[in-house]
Amino acid sequence: MAKSTLSFVCQNCGAAYNRWQGKCEACGEWNTLAEEDPTGSVPVSIRSRRKGRTFKLESLAGKTQDAPRLSSGMTELDRVTGGGFVRGSVLLVGGDPGIGKSTLLTQATSMMARAGHRTVYISGEEAIAQVRLRADRLGLADAPVQLAAETSVEDIVSTLSEGTVPRLIVIDSIQTMWTDTVESAPGTVTQVRASAQALIRFAKRSGAAIILVGHVTKDGQIAGPRVVEHMVDAVLSFEGEGSQQFRILRAVKNRFGPTDEIGVFEMTGLGLREVSNPSELFLSERDLGTPGTAVFAGIEGTRPVLVELQALVAPTSLGTPRRAVVGWDPSRLSMVLAVLEAHCGVKLSGHDVYLNVAGGLRIQEPAADLAAAAALVSSLVNAPLPTDAVYFGEISLSGAVRPVAQTASRLKEAAKLGFGRAVLPESARGEVGGDAGLALNTVGGLTTLVAEIAARGSARGNREREPVEKNATAARFRRPDG
């Protein structure tokens, strides 16, 4: 009889080792290796050998049909998924605890159920009474959603196979599911992989759309093996700060749609409210006339989004100045600071720098370089930027301002929200033409923008010092008797 071999699998990334060790060399995490039996991870029927069958090979040329989609009833959710749920597709939704994943999916299943589709919500973490309490709080208790509190994958598949196939199935969450085909505890890498594979096979065979809810780690990554992300058709990330009411649904992977679209929601007492105009929401609480704030005209997928960038530059007493950024790439901030100091003479080595994207939005495109640089210089020289101006442009290492895509869409959104001018790369003027709808201030290099802001700061300083000097002169020549 062959001796059974054991392997040690990392519960964070899924890497396997022949012996135990404290640190996983693949992901760098400590104390994440757990002993598992790899021989029990595959059913005997699959391990048995059989003769291969031949199949027909097709050519690239031929007629194709668009995948039929089913609308969820929520415009923002349909935007991120690419127009709705595809039959037989499997989606993985991840997010921080308490961010609103269960609330979002409860609303989606309720809307689809009210439209006449069979929807099933299976919870492995909550009892049926808890799910009903949430639906009652959201005003969705009358929706004909079928509920269950079950964790056995075999029982779930057997139950859902009876009668009419559901159009949408929610599994909350995949870490609580377990299958008889493997001998591991629920939540381990082997159980998560096997459970997900069984549910994916059911979705492809029956044509039902399945949404898997996944836990996230402290770094914001979906817990469990990365192979689960490769197995599913789409991976959606639900982002947001717990202290703010804004929530962002972003597509990380999507086989049936774009991966650069976002959906914006607002958390209210009655659940998540869709935000059709995110720019107006992000700019609703602007600090007008405050130094260190600039409005960035960005693009998220096909939607232009205007958001406020806030910067604070303060003298430091530490040997190494602090560099803190929220909502933007820290490496990008370091590059902008280096260009400002090397080519524009802006000395920031003795200052702490803080940069924040208002509203909880995470910016990924390099077009925010120009707005970030303007906000930093504005805070340093204590000069407010024009309140009716938007900024966008990519900064190169030589200090030049490079053009970005979809300039016309950015300017159109800015004009619609009442902005009167735009600071943009010089080479983008020909792309826009003369019908931009607002005044264009083009800059070819970062030095031009820094000089304009510095001049504004000097003029403001002279105006502030003038009354002080007049009062001091009057006091100096005032007679003792008044």
Protein backbone atom coordinates (compact mmCIF):
# COMPACT_ATOMS: atom_id res chain seq x y z
CA MET A 1 0.00 0.00 0.00
CA ALA A 2 1.40 3.34 -1.01
CA LYS A 3 2.30 5.71 1.76
CA SER A 4 0.06 8.80 1.92
CA THR A 5 1.94 12.04 1.37
CA LEU A 6 1.10 15.25 3.21
CA SER A 7 1.69 18.76 1.98
CA PHE A 8 1.64 22.12 3.70
CA VAL A 9 -0.50 24.69 1.90
CA CYS A 10 -0.42 28.45 2.53
CA GLN A 11 -3.88 29.63 3.55
CA ASN A 12 -3.18 33.09 2.12
CA CYS A 13 -1.95 32.39 -1.43
CA GLY A 14 -2.32 28.63 -1.94
CA ALA A 15 1.37 27.78 -2.37
CA ALA A 16 2.25 24.17 -1.42
CA TYR A 17 5.42 22.90 0.33
CA ASN A 18 6.73 19.47 1.26
CA ARG A 19 7.54 20.49 4.84
CA TRP A 20 6.37 23.07 7.31
CA GLN A 21 8.09 26.43 7.55
CA GLY A 22 7.28 29.62 9.36
CA LYS A 23 7.21 31.97 6.38
CA CYS A 24 5.58 31.45 2.99
CA GLU A 25 8.12 32.24 0.30
CA ALA A 26 5.41 33.01 -2.28
CA CYS A 27 3.48 35.76 -0.45
CA GLY A 28 5.79 36.53 2.48
CA GLU A 29 3.17 35.88 5.19
CA TRP A 30 4.11 34.20 8.49
CA ASN A 31 2.40 31.21 10.14
CA THR A 32 -0.02 30.59 7.28
CA LEU A 33 1.02 27.03 6.33
CA ALA A 34 -1.47 24.29 7.24
CA GLU A 35 -1.12 20.54 6.81
CA GLU A 36 -3.45 19.05 4.21
CA ASP A 37 -3.85 15.73 2.40
CA PRO A 38 -3.66 16.34 -1.36
CA THR A 39 -4.92 12.87 -2.23
CA GLY A 40 -8.38 13.66 -0.92
CA SER A 41 -8.80 16.87 -2.90
CA VAL A 42 -9.83 15.09 -6.10
CA PRO A 43 -12.74 12.63 -6.30
CA VAL A 44 -11.97 9.02 -7.19
CA SER A 45 -14.15 9.24 -10.29
CA ILE A 46 -11.96 12.03 -11.63
CA ARG A 47 -8.71 10.31 -10.73
CA SER A 48 -9.69 7.13 -12.55
CA ARG A 49 -8.18 6.82 -15.98
CA ARG A 50 -10.36 6.78 -19.07
CA LYS A 51 -9.79 6.84 -22.77
CA GLY A 52 -9.82 10.32 -24.26
CA ARG A 53 -12.47 11.28 -26.79
CA THR A 54 -12.01 13.31 -29.92
CA PHE A 55 -13.70 16.66 -30.44
CA LYS A 56 -14.20 19.02 -33.33
CA LEU A 57 -11.87 21.96 -33.86
CA GLU A 58 -13.32 25.27 -34.97
CA SER A 59 -11.79 28.22 -36.84
CA LEU A 60 -11.61 31.83 -35.75
CA ALA A 61 -13.95 32.92 -38.54
CA GLY A 62 -17.65 32.42 -37.96
CA LYS A 63 -20.79 34.01 -36.57
CA THR A 64 -20.94 34.76 -32.87
CA GLN A 65 -23.82 35.91 -30.74
CA ASP A 66 -23.66 38.27 -27.80
CA ALA A 67 -24.10 36.56 -24.45
CA PRO A 68 -27.70 37.03 -23.24
CA ARG A 69 -27.79 39.22 -20.16
CA LEU A 70 -30.22 39.67 -17.33
CA SER A 71 -30.57 43.12 -15.80
CA SER A 72 -30.28 43.34 -12.03
CA GLY A 73 -32.56 46.37 -11.79
CA MET A 74 -29.67 48.49 -10.48
CA THR A 75 -28.08 50.72 -13.12
CA GLU A 76 -24.74 51.08 -11.34
CA LEU A 77 -24.40 47.32 -10.84
CA ASP A 78 -25.25 46.65 -14.48
CA ARG A 79 -22.65 49.22 -15.54
CA VAL A 80 -19.87 47.39 -13.69
CA THR A 81 -20.89 43.91 -14.87
CA GLY A 82 -21.05 45.07 -18.48
CA GLY A 83 -24.83 45.31 -18.92
CA GLY A 84 -26.18 42.66 -16.57
CA PHE A 85 -25.58 39.06 -15.49
CA VAL A 86 -24.64 36.52 -18.16
CA ARG A 87 -26.28 33.10 -18.01
CA GLY A 88 -23.98 30.51 -16.45
CA SER A 89 -21.49 33.10 -15.22
CA VAL A 90 -19.88 33.12 -11.77
CA LEU A 91 -18.95 36.40 -10.06
CA LEU A 92 -16.76 36.87 -7.00
CA VAL A 93 -17.53 39.93 -4.86
CA GLY A 94 -15.02 41.02 -2.21
CA GLY A 95 -14.89 43.85 0.29
CA ASP A 96 -14.07 44.83 3.85
CA PRO A 97 -16.37 43.58 6.63
CA GLY A 98 -19.38 45.84 7.06
CA ILE A 99 -18.84 47.68 3.79
CA GLY A 100 -22.29 46.67 2.46
CA LYS A 101 -21.78 43.53 0.35
CA SER A 102 -24.78 41.70 1.80
CA THR A 103 -26.91 44.85 1.55
CA LEU A 104 -26.04 45.29 -2.13
CA LEU A 105 -26.80 41.67 -3.00
CA THR A 106 -30.01 41.66 -0.98
CA GLN A 107 -31.24 44.65 -2.95
CA ALA A 108 -30.20 43.09 -6.27
CA THR A 109 -31.89 39.75 -5.59
CA SER A 110 -35.05 41.50 -4.36
CA MET A 111 -35.33 43.64 -7.49
CA MET A 112 -34.86 40.65 -9.75
CA ALA A 113 -37.39 38.63 -7.75
CA ARG A 114 -39.95 41.43 -8.06
CA ALA A 115 -39.35 41.36 -11.83
CA GLY A 116 -40.54 37.74 -11.91
CA HIS A 117 -37.21 35.86 -11.84
CA ARG A 118 -36.44 33.08 -9.38
CA THR A 119 -33.61 34.22 -7.09
CA VAL A 120 -32.04 32.33 -4.20
CA TYR A 121 -30.00 33.78 -1.34
CA ILE A 122 -27.97 31.17 0.58
CA SER A 123 -26.20 32.39 3.71
CA GLY A 124 -23.49 30.39 5.44
CA GLU A 125 -22.77 33.03 8.08
CA GLU A 126 -26.22 34.27 9.13
CA ALA A 127 -29.45 32.60 10.09
CA ILE A 128 -32.58 33.08 8.04
CA ALA A 129 -34.02 35.36 10.73
CA GLN A 130 -31.00 37.68 10.43
CA VAL A 131 -31.38 37.93 6.65
CA ARG A 132 -35.09 38.71 7.11
CA LEU A 133 -34.26 41.48 9.57
CA ARG A 134 -31.96 43.11 7.02
CA ALA A 135 -34.61 42.82 4.29
CA ASP A 136 -37.22 44.34 6.61
CA ARG A 137 -34.91 47.25 7.42
CA LEU A 138 -34.40 47.86 3.69
CA GLY A 139 -38.12 47.69 2.97
CA LEU A 140 -37.74 44.52 0.87
CA ALA A 141 -39.54 42.00 3.07
CA ASP A 142 -42.29 41.52 0.45
CA ALA A 143 -39.83 40.48 -2.31
CA PRO A 144 -40.26 36.76 -3.26
CA VAL A 145 -36.60 35.85 -2.61
CA GLN A 146 -35.98 32.25 -1.54
CA LEU A 147 -33.71 31.99 1.52
CA ALA A 148 -31.62 29.21 3.02
CA ALA A 149 -28.93 28.86 5.67
CA GLU A 150 -26.73 26.01 4.44
CA THR A 151 -23.02 25.28 4.01
CA SER A 152 -22.90 21.86 2.31
CA VAL A 153 -22.21 22.27 -1.38
CA GLU A 154 -23.70 18.90 -2.28
CA ASP A 155 -26.97 19.74 -0.50
CA ILE A 156 -27.08 23.18 -2.14
CA VAL A 157 -26.56 21.80 -5.66
CA SER A 158 -29.12 19.03 -5.11
CA THR A 159 -31.74 21.48 -3.85
CA LEU A 160 -31.21 24.04 -6.60
CA SER A 161 -31.39 21.36 -9.30
CA GLU A 162 -35.05 20.65 -8.46
CA GLY A 163 -37.75 22.57 -10.28
CA THR A 164 -37.09 25.73 -12.26
CA VAL A 165 -33.45 26.70 -12.43
CA PRO A 166 -32.85 29.98 -10.52
CA ARG A 167 -31.72 32.94 -12.58
CA LEU A 168 -29.51 34.31 -9.79
CA ILE A 169 -27.93 32.55 -6.80
CA VAL A 170 -26.01 34.32 -4.04
CA ILE A 171 -23.56 32.33 -1.88
CA ASP A 172 -22.60 34.33 1.23
CA SER A 173 -19.81 33.45 1.67
CA ILE A 174 -17.56 30.99 -0.19
CA GLN A 175 -15.25 30.64 2.86
CA THR A 176 -18.06 28.99 4.85
CA MET A 177 -18.86 26.33 2.21
CA TRP A 178 -17.56 22.75 2.45
CA THR A 179 -17.72 19.66 0.26
CA ASP A 180 -17.45 15.94 0.97
CA THR A 181 -14.82 15.43 -1.71
CA VAL A 182 -12.00 16.85 0.43
CA GLU A 183 -10.99 16.23 4.02
CA SER A 184 -10.24 19.74 5.23
CA ALA A 185 -11.88 22.28 7.48
CA PRO A 186 -14.15 24.93 5.92
CA GLY A 187 -12.24 28.04 4.96
CA THR A 188 -9.00 26.26 4.05
CA VAL A 189 -7.49 26.66 0.62
CA THR A 190 -8.46 23.15 -0.46
CA GLN A 191 -12.09 23.50 0.67
CA VAL A 192 -12.51 26.93 -0.93
CA ARG A 193 -11.07 25.69 -4.22
CA ALA A 194 -13.16 22.50 -4.30
CA SER A 195 -16.38 24.24 -3.24
CA ALA A 196 -15.94 26.96 -5.85
CA GLN A 197 -15.25 24.39 -8.54
CA ALA A 198 -18.43 22.45 -7.70
CA LEU A 199 -20.55 25.61 -7.82
CA ILE A 200 -18.95 26.70 -11.10
CA ARG A 201 -19.74 23.33 -12.68
CA PHE A 202 -23.37 23.69 -11.59
CA ALA A 203 -23.57 27.22 -13.05
CA LYS A 204 -22.16 26.17 -16.42
CA ARG A 205 -24.43 23.12 -16.59
CA SER A 206 -27.67 24.80 -15.51
CA GLY A 207 -27.21 28.32 -16.89
CA ALA A 208 -27.79 30.03 -13.54
CA ALA A 209 -25.73 33.09 -12.60
CA ILE A 210 -23.95 32.67 -9.26
CA ILE A 211 -22.45 35.40 -7.08
CA LEU A 212 -19.84 34.27 -4.55
CA VAL A 213 -19.06 36.58 -1.63
CA GLY A 214 -15.42 36.44 -0.54
CA HIS A 215 -13.69 37.69 2.58
CA VAL A 216 -10.70 40.01 2.25
CA THR A 217 -7.39 40.15 4.06
CA LYS A 218 -5.86 43.14 5.86
CA ASP A 219 -4.25 44.18 2.57
CA GLY A 220 -7.62 44.29 0.82
CA GLN A 221 -7.03 41.11 -1.21
CA ILE A 222 -9.70 38.43 -1.43
CA ALA A 223 -8.78 35.72 1.07
CA GLY A 224 -8.06 32.20 -0.11
CA PRO A 225 -6.13 30.97 -3.13
CA ARG A 226 -5.66 33.26 -6.08
CA VAL A 227 -6.72 30.35 -8.30
CA VAL A 228 -10.35 31.03 -7.33
CA GLU A 229 -10.10 34.44 -9.00
CA HIS A 230 -8.90 32.72 -12.17
CA MET A 231 -11.75 30.21 -12.03
CA VAL A 232 -14.61 32.74 -11.90
CA ASP A 233 -15.76 34.94 -14.78
CA ALA A 234 -15.67 38.28 -12.96
CA VAL A 235 -14.16 39.69 -9.78
CA LEU A 236 -15.82 42.76 -8.27
CA SER A 237 -14.33 44.82 -5.44
CA PHE A 238 -16.61 46.81 -3.13
CA GLU A 239 -14.58 49.71 -1.72
CA GLY A 240 -15.21 52.58 0.64
CA GLU A 241 -14.36 54.07 4.00
CA GLY A 242 -16.51 53.08 6.94
CA SER A 243 -16.69 56.70 8.14
CA GLN A 244 -18.01 57.96 4.78
CA GLN A 245 -21.25 57.23 3.01
CA PHE A 246 -19.76 56.68 -0.45
CA ARG A 247 -19.23 53.15 -1.80
CA ILE A 248 -17.39 52.24 -5.00
CA LEU A 249 -18.01 48.99 -6.89
CA ARG A 250 -15.07 48.29 -9.20
CA ALA A 251 -14.51 45.45 -11.68
CA VAL A 252 -11.07 43.89 -11.20
CA LYS A 253 -11.70 41.14 -13.76
CA ASN A 254 -14.57 40.67 -16.20
CA ARG A 255 -14.71 38.20 -19.08
CA PHE A 256 -17.93 39.69 -20.42
CA GLY A 257 -17.34 43.41 -20.02
CA PRO A 258 -14.86 46.21 -19.29
CA THR A 259 -12.62 46.23 -16.24
CA ASP A 260 -12.32 50.01 -15.86
CA GLU A 261 -15.93 50.85 -15.02
CA ILE A 262 -17.06 51.82 -11.52
CA GLY A 263 -20.43 52.00 -9.83
CA VAL A 264 -21.03 54.66 -7.17
CA PHE A 265 -23.44 54.15 -4.28
CA GLU A 266 -24.36 56.12 -1.19
CA MET A 267 -25.05 54.29 2.06
CA THR A 268 -28.28 55.50 3.65
CA GLY A 269 -30.60 54.26 6.37
CA LEU A 270 -32.65 52.44 3.73
CA GLY A 271 -29.71 50.72 2.07
CA LEU A 272 -27.53 51.67 -0.88
CA ARG A 273 -28.72 54.49 -3.12
CA GLU A 274 -27.39 54.69 -6.66
CA VAL A 275 -25.50 57.86 -7.58
CA SER A 276 -26.04 58.77 -11.23
CA ASN A 277 -23.79 61.86 -11.10
CA PRO A 278 -20.74 61.06 -8.93
CA SER A 279 -18.98 64.34 -9.75
CA GLU A 280 -21.70 66.44 -8.14
CA LEU A 281 -21.62 64.21 -5.06
CA PHE A 282 -17.83 64.30 -4.65
CA LEU A 283 -17.76 68.09 -5.00
CA SER A 284 -20.76 68.80 -2.79
CA GLU A 285 -18.61 69.67 0.26
CA ARG A 286 -15.73 71.58 -1.31
CA ASP A 287 -13.63 74.00 0.71
CA LEU A 288 -13.77 77.02 -1.60
CA GLY A 289 -10.88 79.45 -1.35
CA THR A 290 -8.70 77.13 0.75
CA PRO A 291 -5.03 76.66 -0.25
CA GLY A 292 -4.03 73.14 -1.17
CA THR A 293 -7.21 72.04 -2.96
CA ALA A 294 -7.53 71.32 -6.68
CA VAL A 295 -10.31 69.74 -8.74
CA PHE A 296 -9.19 66.85 -10.92
CA ALA A 297 -11.15 65.90 -14.04
CA GLY A 298 -10.68 62.15 -14.30
CA ILE A 299 -12.08 59.25 -16.29
CA GLU A 300 -13.39 56.02 -14.75
CA GLY A 301 -14.18 53.68 -17.64
CA THR A 302 -16.46 55.62 -19.96
CA ARG A 303 -17.64 58.04 -17.26
CA PRO A 304 -15.91 61.36 -16.49
CA VAL A 305 -15.60 61.97 -12.75
CA LEU A 306 -14.58 65.23 -11.07
CA VAL A 307 -13.07 64.90 -7.62
CA GLU A 308 -11.21 67.19 -5.22
CA LEU A 309 -7.55 66.59 -4.35
CA GLN A 310 -6.47 67.97 -0.97
CA ALA A 311 -2.82 68.59 -0.11
CA LEU A 312 -1.10 69.78 3.04
CA VAL A 313 2.58 70.77 3.12
CA ALA A 314 3.88 71.61 6.59
CA PRO A 315 7.40 72.10 8.03
CA THR A 316 8.67 69.03 9.80
CA SER A 317 10.76 68.55 12.91
CA LEU A 318 11.67 64.97 12.02
CA GLY A 319 14.84 63.80 10.38
CA THR A 320 12.87 62.04 7.65
CA PRO A 321 9.78 63.96 6.42
CA ARG A 322 6.49 62.08 6.29
CA ARG A 323 4.79 61.23 3.01
CA ALA A 324 1.19 60.13 3.49
CA VAL A 325 -1.35 59.62 0.69
CA VAL A 326 -4.94 58.34 0.70
CA GLY A 327 -6.68 57.37 -2.53
CA TRP A 328 -3.67 57.69 -4.84
CA ASP A 329 -0.51 55.77 -5.68
CA PRO A 330 2.27 56.64 -3.16
CA SER A 331 4.93 55.98 -5.82
CA ARG A 332 3.23 58.50 -8.07
CA LEU A 333 3.34 61.11 -5.31
CA SER A 334 7.06 60.49 -4.76
CA MET A 335 7.70 61.02 -8.48
CA VAL A 336 5.77 64.31 -8.56
CA LEU A 337 7.67 65.57 -5.50
CA ALA A 338 11.00 64.65 -7.13
CA VAL A 339 10.10 66.50 -10.35
CA LEU A 340 8.99 69.58 -8.40
CA GLU A 341 12.29 69.71 -6.54
CA ALA A 342 14.58 68.83 -9.46
CA HIS A 343 13.08 70.95 -12.27
CA CYS A 344 10.96 73.62 -10.54
CA GLY A 345 13.13 74.53 -7.54
CA VAL A 346 10.39 73.66 -5.04
CA LYS A 347 12.19 72.52 -1.90
CA LEU A 348 10.07 69.96 -0.08
CA SER A 349 12.80 67.97 1.64
CA GLY A 350 12.10 69.77 4.93
CA HIS A 351 8.31 69.46 4.84
CA ASP A 352 5.77 66.78 5.63
CA VAL A 353 3.47 66.10 2.70
CA TYR A 354 -0.10 64.79 2.98
CA LEU A 355 -2.35 64.12 -0.02
CA ASN A 356 -5.98 63.00 0.12
CA VAL A 357 -8.63 62.24 -2.50
CA ALA A 358 -11.92 63.54 -1.12
CA GLY A 359 -14.93 61.25 -1.04
CA GLY A 360 -13.11 57.94 -0.64
CA LEU A 361 -12.45 57.47 -4.37
CA ARG A 362 -9.25 55.70 -5.43
CA ILE A 363 -7.58 57.27 -8.48
CA GLN A 364 -5.46 55.02 -10.68
CA GLU A 365 -4.77 57.03 -13.83
CA PRO A 366 -1.61 59.21 -14.17
CA ALA A 367 -3.69 62.15 -15.41
CA ALA A 368 -3.99 63.29 -11.78
CA ASP A 369 -0.32 64.34 -11.72
CA LEU A 370 -1.02 67.95 -12.70
CA ALA A 371 -3.82 68.39 -10.16
CA ALA A 372 -1.68 66.88 -7.40
CA ALA A 373 1.26 69.15 -8.24
CA ALA A 374 -0.99 72.22 -8.27
CA ALA A 375 -2.46 71.33 -4.88
CA LEU A 376 0.99 70.73 -3.37
CA VAL A 377 2.43 74.05 -4.59
CA SER A 378 -0.74 75.87 -3.54
CA SER A 379 -0.41 74.55 0.00
CA LEU A 380 3.32 75.34 0.16
CA VAL A 381 2.99 79.02 -0.89
CA ASN A 382 -0.43 79.43 0.83
CA ALA A 383 -2.14 80.54 -2.39
CA PRO A 384 -5.70 79.33 -3.14
CA LEU A 385 -6.28 78.06 -6.66
CA PRO A 386 -9.17 79.41 -8.77
CA THR A 387 -12.39 77.83 -7.60
CA ASP A 388 -13.75 77.50 -11.16
CA ALA A 389 -10.73 75.62 -12.59
CA VAL A 390 -10.12 71.92 -13.20
CA TYR A 391 -6.72 70.28 -13.72
CA PHE A 392 -5.58 67.17 -15.57
CA GLY A 393 -2.38 66.07 -17.28
CA GLU A 394 0.46 63.58 -16.89
CA ILE A 395 3.87 64.81 -15.70
CA SER A 396 6.98 63.24 -17.16
CA LEU A 397 10.31 62.93 -15.40
CA SER A 398 11.65 65.85 -17.44
CA GLY A 399 8.97 68.17 -16.10
CA ALA A 400 6.92 68.24 -19.31
CA VAL A 401 3.13 67.92 -19.15
CA ARG A 402 1.95 65.15 -21.43
CA PRO A 403 -1.56 64.77 -22.93
CA VAL A 404 -4.10 62.24 -21.69
CA ALA A 405 -7.01 60.44 -23.32
CA GLN A 406 -10.65 61.60 -23.58
CA THR A 407 -9.92 65.30 -23.11
CA ALA A 408 -13.24 66.36 -24.63
CA SER A 409 -15.25 64.23 -22.18
CA ARG A 410 -13.42 65.72 -19.21
CA LEU A 411 -14.04 69.29 -20.39
CA LYS A 412 -17.70 68.57 -21.16
CA GLU A 413 -18.30 67.25 -17.64
CA ALA A 414 -16.51 70.26 -16.12
CA ALA A 415 -18.59 72.72 -18.16
CA LYS A 416 -21.80 70.90 -17.16
CA LEU A 417 -20.96 71.36 -13.47
CA GLY A 418 -20.34 75.09 -13.86
CA PHE A 419 -16.54 75.30 -14.11
CA GLY A 420 -15.18 78.15 -16.23
CA ARG A 421 -11.59 77.20 -17.00
CA ALA A 422 -9.35 74.17 -17.37
CA VAL A 423 -5.60 73.74 -16.95
CA LEU A 424 -4.46 71.02 -19.34
CA PRO A 425 -1.47 69.98 -21.48
CA GLU A 426 -0.53 72.30 -24.33
CA SER A 427 -0.73 69.56 -26.96
CA ALA A 428 -4.39 68.87 -26.08
CA ARG A 429 -5.67 72.20 -27.48
CA GLY A 430 -5.77 70.84 -31.04
CA GLU A 431 -7.78 67.81 -29.91
CA VAL A 432 -10.47 69.94 -28.28
CA GLY A 433 -10.89 72.67 -30.86
CA GLY A 434 -12.74 75.90 -30.20
CA ASP A 435 -15.99 74.51 -28.78
CA ALA A 436 -14.69 73.42 -25.37
CA GLY A 437 -17.29 75.46 -23.47
CA LEU A 438 -14.76 76.95 -21.04
CA ALA A 439 -11.48 78.88 -21.07
CA LEU A 440 -8.38 76.74 -21.67
CA ASN A 441 -5.09 77.43 -19.91
CA THR A 442 -2.55 75.17 -21.56
CA VAL A 443 0.85 74.45 -19.99
CA GLY A 444 3.77 72.78 -21.74
CA GLY A 445 5.88 72.28 -18.63
CA LEU A 446 5.39 72.09 -14.90
CA THR A 447 7.59 75.16 -14.35
CA THR A 448 4.95 77.37 -15.98
CA LEU A 449 2.24 76.21 -13.60
CA VAL A 450 4.49 76.54 -10.54
CA ALA A 451 5.42 80.11 -11.55
CA GLU A 452 1.76 81.10 -11.89
CA ILE A 453 0.83 79.70 -8.49
CA ALA A 454 3.90 81.26 -6.85
CA ALA A 455 3.01 84.65 -8.33
CA ARG A 456 -0.49 84.30 -6.97
CA GLY A 457 0.94 83.52 -3.54
CA SER A 458 3.26 86.54 -3.64
CA ALA A 459 0.42 88.87 -4.60
CA ARG A 460 -1.73 87.51 -1.80
CA GLY A 461 1.12 87.94 0.69
CA ASN A 462 1.60 91.57 -0.32
CA ARG A 463 -2.12 92.26 0.10
CA GLU A 464 -2.10 90.71 3.56
CA ARG A 465 1.03 92.54 4.68
CA GLU A 466 -0.13 95.96 3.41
CA PRO A 467 -2.82 96.58 6.11
CA VAL A 468 -0.43 95.34 8.78
CA GLU A 469 2.32 97.74 7.65
CA LYS A 470 -0.14 100.67 7.50
CA ASN A 471 -1.34 99.98 11.03
CA ALA A 472 2.24 99.68 12.27
CA THR A 473 3.20 103.02 10.65
CA ALA A 474 0.16 104.76 12.11
CA ALA A 475 0.95 103.43 15.55
CA ARG A 476 4.56 104.51 15.25
CA PHE A 477 3.61 108.16 14.50
CA ARG A 478 0.59 108.35 16.79
CA ARG A 479 0.81 110.91 19.56
CA PRO A 480 0.82 109.65 23.15
CA ASP A 481 -2.48 111.44 23.89
CA GLY A 482 -4.14 109.63 20.91
